[in-house]
Structures are given as structure tokens and as C-alpha cells.
N, C-alpha and C. Protein backbone atom coordinates (compact mmCIF):
# COMPACT_ATOMS: atom_id res chain seq x y z
N GLU A 1 0.81 -1.21 0.00
CA GLU A 1 0.00 0.00 0.00
C GLU A 1 0.84 1.25 0.00
N THR A 2 1.84 1.31 0.87
CA THR A 2 2.61 2.54 1.00
C THR A 2 3.96 2.45 0.30
N GLY A 3 4.26 1.32 -0.31
CA GLY A 3 5.53 1.18 -1.03
C GLY A 3 6.68 0.91 -0.08
N SER A 4 7.81 0.58 -0.67
CA SER A 4 8.99 0.33 0.16
C SER A 4 9.91 1.54 0.13
N GLU A 5 10.62 1.76 1.23
CA GLU A 5 11.56 2.86 1.31
C GLU A 5 12.96 2.35 0.99
N ASP A 6 13.28 1.14 1.46
CA ASP A 6 14.61 0.59 1.23
C ASP A 6 14.54 -0.93 1.31
N ILE A 7 15.50 -1.59 0.66
CA ILE A 7 15.58 -3.04 0.66
C ILE A 7 17.03 -3.44 0.88
N ASP A 8 17.26 -4.44 1.73
CA ASP A 8 18.59 -5.00 1.92
C ASP A 8 18.49 -6.51 1.71
N ILE A 9 19.29 -7.02 0.78
CA ILE A 9 19.22 -8.43 0.42
C ILE A 9 20.46 -9.15 0.93
N LEU A 10 20.24 -10.22 1.71
CA LEU A 10 21.34 -11.02 2.25
C LEU A 10 21.84 -12.01 1.20
N PRO A 11 23.07 -12.53 1.35
CA PRO A 11 23.60 -13.50 0.39
C PRO A 11 22.73 -14.76 0.23
N ASN A 12 21.96 -15.11 1.25
CA ASN A 12 21.11 -16.31 1.18
C ASN A 12 19.77 -16.06 0.50
N GLY A 13 19.54 -14.85 0.00
CA GLY A 13 18.32 -14.55 -0.72
C GLY A 13 17.21 -13.94 0.11
N LEU A 14 17.41 -13.76 1.42
CA LEU A 14 16.40 -13.11 2.24
C LEU A 14 16.49 -11.59 2.04
N ALA A 15 15.35 -10.97 1.80
CA ALA A 15 15.29 -9.53 1.60
C ALA A 15 14.49 -8.89 2.73
N PHE A 16 15.06 -7.88 3.37
CA PHE A 16 14.38 -7.10 4.39
C PHE A 16 13.95 -5.79 3.75
N ILE A 17 12.70 -5.43 3.92
CA ILE A 17 12.12 -4.28 3.25
C ILE A 17 11.52 -3.34 4.29
N SER A 18 11.95 -2.07 4.28
CA SER A 18 11.34 -1.09 5.17
C SER A 18 10.25 -0.36 4.39
N SER A 19 9.16 -0.05 5.08
CA SER A 19 8.00 0.56 4.42
C SER A 19 7.30 1.51 5.37
N GLY A 20 6.63 2.50 4.78
CA GLY A 20 5.79 3.39 5.59
C GLY A 20 6.46 4.68 6.00
N LEU A 21 7.51 5.10 5.29
CA LEU A 21 8.18 6.36 5.63
C LEU A 21 7.21 7.54 5.49
N LYS A 22 7.19 8.35 6.51
CA LYS A 22 6.42 9.60 6.46
C LYS A 22 7.43 10.74 6.55
N TYR A 23 7.38 11.61 5.58
CA TYR A 23 8.36 12.69 5.48
C TYR A 23 7.61 13.99 5.26
N PRO A 24 7.96 15.05 5.97
CA PRO A 24 7.26 16.34 5.79
C PRO A 24 7.28 16.78 4.33
N GLY A 25 6.12 17.15 3.84
CA GLY A 25 6.02 17.63 2.47
C GLY A 25 5.70 16.56 1.45
N LEU A 26 5.81 15.28 1.82
CA LEU A 26 5.48 14.18 0.91
C LEU A 26 4.11 13.62 1.27
N LYS A 27 3.31 13.34 0.25
CA LYS A 27 1.98 12.77 0.49
C LYS A 27 2.12 11.37 1.09
N SER A 28 1.33 11.10 2.11
CA SER A 28 1.30 9.78 2.74
C SER A 28 -0.05 9.15 2.43
N PHE A 29 -0.02 7.92 1.89
CA PHE A 29 -1.25 7.23 1.56
C PHE A 29 -1.90 6.58 2.78
N ALA A 30 -1.14 6.44 3.87
CA ALA A 30 -1.66 5.86 5.11
C ALA A 30 -1.06 6.64 6.28
N PRO A 31 -1.49 7.89 6.49
CA PRO A 31 -0.85 8.74 7.50
C PRO A 31 -0.98 8.24 8.94
N ASP A 32 -1.99 7.44 9.23
CA ASP A 32 -2.18 6.94 10.60
C ASP A 32 -1.59 5.56 10.82
N LYS A 33 -1.02 4.95 9.78
CA LYS A 33 -0.47 3.61 9.89
C LYS A 33 1.03 3.70 10.22
N PRO A 34 1.51 2.95 11.22
CA PRO A 34 2.94 2.99 11.54
C PRO A 34 3.76 2.29 10.46
N GLY A 35 5.06 2.54 10.48
CA GLY A 35 5.96 1.88 9.54
C GLY A 35 6.01 0.39 9.78
N GLU A 36 6.56 -0.33 8.80
CA GLU A 36 6.63 -1.78 8.89
C GLU A 36 7.95 -2.28 8.30
N ILE A 37 8.31 -3.49 8.70
CA ILE A 37 9.43 -4.20 8.11
C ILE A 37 8.88 -5.51 7.55
N PHE A 38 9.23 -5.81 6.31
CA PHE A 38 8.78 -7.04 5.66
C PHE A 38 9.99 -7.93 5.36
N LEU A 39 9.74 -9.22 5.23
CA LEU A 39 10.75 -10.20 4.87
C LEU A 39 10.27 -10.94 3.63
N MET A 40 11.18 -11.13 2.67
CA MET A 40 10.84 -11.85 1.45
C MET A 40 11.99 -12.80 1.13
N ASP A 41 11.66 -14.06 0.86
CA ASP A 41 12.67 -15.05 0.47
C ASP A 41 12.70 -15.11 -1.05
N LEU A 42 13.72 -14.51 -1.64
CA LEU A 42 13.80 -14.41 -3.10
C LEU A 42 14.13 -15.73 -3.77
N LYS A 43 14.46 -16.76 -2.98
CA LYS A 43 14.75 -18.08 -3.55
C LYS A 43 13.49 -18.94 -3.68
N GLU A 44 12.37 -18.48 -3.16
CA GLU A 44 11.11 -19.21 -3.30
C GLU A 44 10.61 -19.08 -4.74
N ASP A 45 9.82 -20.07 -5.18
CA ASP A 45 9.26 -20.02 -6.53
C ASP A 45 8.34 -18.82 -6.72
N ASN A 46 7.54 -18.52 -5.71
CA ASN A 46 6.63 -17.37 -5.75
C ASN A 46 6.85 -16.51 -4.51
N PRO A 47 7.92 -15.73 -4.48
CA PRO A 47 8.21 -14.96 -3.26
C PRO A 47 7.12 -13.93 -2.97
N ARG A 48 6.85 -13.77 -1.67
CA ARG A 48 5.90 -12.75 -1.25
C ARG A 48 6.41 -12.11 0.03
N ALA A 49 6.11 -10.85 0.19
CA ALA A 49 6.55 -10.11 1.38
C ALA A 49 5.65 -10.45 2.56
N VAL A 50 6.26 -10.76 3.69
CA VAL A 50 5.55 -11.09 4.93
C VAL A 50 5.95 -10.07 5.99
N GLU A 51 4.96 -9.45 6.62
CA GLU A 51 5.24 -8.46 7.66
C GLU A 51 5.87 -9.14 8.87
N LEU A 52 6.97 -8.57 9.36
CA LEU A 52 7.59 -9.08 10.57
C LEU A 52 6.92 -8.45 11.78
N ARG A 53 6.68 -9.23 12.79
CA ARG A 53 6.09 -8.74 14.03
C ARG A 53 7.18 -8.10 14.88
N ILE A 54 6.89 -6.95 15.42
CA ILE A 54 7.84 -6.25 16.28
C ILE A 54 7.47 -6.54 17.72
N THR A 55 8.47 -6.88 18.53
CA THR A 55 8.22 -7.32 19.90
C THR A 55 7.64 -6.21 20.77
N ARG A 56 7.04 -6.64 21.85
CA ARG A 56 6.47 -5.71 22.82
C ARG A 56 7.56 -4.82 23.40
N GLY A 57 7.16 -3.64 23.86
CA GLY A 57 8.09 -2.71 24.46
C GLY A 57 8.69 -1.74 23.44
N PHE A 58 8.29 -1.87 22.20
CA PHE A 58 8.78 -1.01 21.13
C PHE A 58 7.67 -0.01 20.80
N ASP A 59 8.01 1.26 20.62
CA ASP A 59 7.02 2.29 20.32
C ASP A 59 6.62 2.20 18.85
N LEU A 60 5.73 1.28 18.55
CA LEU A 60 5.32 1.03 17.17
C LEU A 60 4.56 2.21 16.56
N ALA A 61 3.83 2.95 17.38
CA ALA A 61 3.02 4.06 16.88
C ALA A 61 3.88 5.13 16.21
N SER A 62 5.11 5.30 16.67
CA SER A 62 5.98 6.33 16.08
C SER A 62 7.04 5.74 15.15
N PHE A 63 6.94 4.46 14.83
CA PHE A 63 7.92 3.80 13.98
C PHE A 63 7.84 4.37 12.56
N ASN A 64 8.92 4.96 12.09
CA ASN A 64 8.97 5.65 10.81
C ASN A 64 10.29 5.27 10.12
N PRO A 65 10.40 4.03 9.59
CA PRO A 65 11.68 3.55 9.09
C PRO A 65 12.16 4.31 7.84
N HIS A 66 13.40 4.74 7.91
CA HIS A 66 14.03 5.41 6.77
C HIS A 66 15.35 4.69 6.53
N GLY A 67 15.33 3.76 5.58
CA GLY A 67 16.51 2.95 5.31
C GLY A 67 16.50 1.68 6.11
N ILE A 68 17.39 0.77 5.73
CA ILE A 68 17.55 -0.48 6.46
C ILE A 68 18.91 -1.05 6.09
N SER A 69 19.54 -1.68 7.04
CA SER A 69 20.80 -2.35 6.75
C SER A 69 20.89 -3.58 7.64
N THR A 70 21.69 -4.54 7.24
CA THR A 70 21.86 -5.77 8.01
C THR A 70 23.34 -5.99 8.27
N TYR A 71 23.62 -6.81 9.26
CA TYR A 71 24.97 -7.18 9.59
C TYR A 71 25.04 -8.71 9.62
N VAL A 72 25.92 -9.30 8.85
CA VAL A 72 26.10 -10.75 8.82
C VAL A 72 27.42 -11.06 9.47
N ASP A 73 27.39 -11.91 10.50
CA ASP A 73 28.60 -12.28 11.23
C ASP A 73 29.10 -13.60 10.72
């Protein structure tokens, strides 16, 4: 619905997608909806984005993801 802001793809084909950026001066299609992080396995035959659940204790109402990066150890 709100498009993706950034995507980071791991060597194993997992893609993390940030979505829902709200920026002053830009139209927001879902102004009351918090940001989200999605996961997509690009090695699947029919990959689809699945919303990741964010654990309790996190201020989800103000979550406004701008960019995403991963660290592989």
C-alpha cells in the first residue's frame, strides 16, 4: 500500500524491506499507519513479502523507518 523505502538483500536470498516512511512535504497514503518491516525469500518459486512482528516494548506508533541495513557475522 505505501511502497517500500529501502531493501537490503542477504547472500542467502532473504530480503528485508522497510515501508511506511512519512516525510514532511510528501503525500502519505496511510498517514495513521505505523511503519513496517517485511521479509521476502527471493529463492522461493513465488516470493511474497511477509510483515515481521515487532516485539512488545517497542514504540510502534511512532515507527517511521528510513533505510535499512543488516549485519552478517
